[in-house]
Protein backbone atom coordinates (compact mmCIF):
# COMPACT_ATOMS: atom_id res chain seq x y z
CA UNK A 1 292.25 82.93 -80.61
CA UNK A 2 294.84 81.01 -78.68
CA UNK A 3 298.49 81.71 -78.07
CA UNK A 4 301.36 80.14 -80.01
CA UNK A 5 304.84 79.40 -78.72
CA UNK A 6 308.14 79.44 -80.60
CA UNK A 7 309.73 76.01 -80.21
CA UNK A 8 313.20 77.56 -80.50
CA UNK A 9 313.20 80.42 -77.97
CA UNK A 10 309.84 79.98 -76.19
CA UNK A 11 308.51 83.41 -77.24
CA UNK A 12 304.72 83.40 -76.93
CA UNK A 13 302.65 85.14 -79.60
CA UNK A 14 299.48 86.42 -77.95
CA UNK A 15 296.85 87.59 -80.46
CA UNK A 16 295.39 89.95 -77.85
CA UNK A 17 298.71 91.84 -77.83
CA UNK A 18 299.81 91.37 -81.45
CA UNK A 19 303.39 92.36 -82.29
CA UNK A 20 303.43 96.18 -82.24
CA UNK A 21 307.17 96.36 -82.97
CA UNK A 22 306.59 94.13 -86.01
CA UNK A 23 303.61 96.14 -87.24
CA UNK A 24 301.03 93.55 -86.15
CA UNK A 25 297.94 95.07 -84.53
CA UNK A 26 296.39 93.68 -81.36
CA UNK A 27 293.60 91.23 -82.20
CA UNK A 28 295.49 89.62 -85.11
CA UNK A 29 295.17 85.83 -84.94
CA UNK A 30 298.26 83.71 -85.55
CA UNK A 31 296.72 82.35 -88.76
CA UNK A 32 296.27 85.89 -90.06
CA UNK A 33 299.93 86.84 -89.60
CA UNK A 34 301.72 87.50 -92.90
CA UNK A 35 303.77 84.54 -94.21
CA UNK A 36 306.93 86.62 -93.91
CA UNK A 37 306.37 87.34 -90.19
CA UNK A 38 309.16 86.00 -87.97
CA UNK A 39 309.63 85.57 -84.24
CA UNK A 40 310.64 88.96 -82.84
CA UNK A 41 313.10 87.32 -80.44
CA UNK A 42 315.00 84.73 -82.52
CA UNK A 43 313.90 85.40 -86.11
CA UNK A 44 312.42 81.95 -86.70
CA UNK A 45 309.57 81.54 -89.18
CA UNK A 46 305.94 80.77 -88.39
CA UNK A 47 306.51 77.08 -89.12
CA UNK A 48 308.34 76.55 -85.80
CA UNK A 49 305.43 77.84 -83.71
CA UNK A 50 302.99 75.48 -82.01
CA UNK A 51 299.68 76.14 -80.26
CA UNK A 52 300.22 76.64 -76.57
């Protein structure tokens, strides 16, 4: 499970950490994030993230 970076604000989604504030448990891969998940910093959708 690699990290993914938001191409808008540079937030890095790390599967080892998840997104606790967004209800995403540690260990959740980027591909397993719900379609409605958005960047916790800028609100962009998953489609703007790229593998880091």
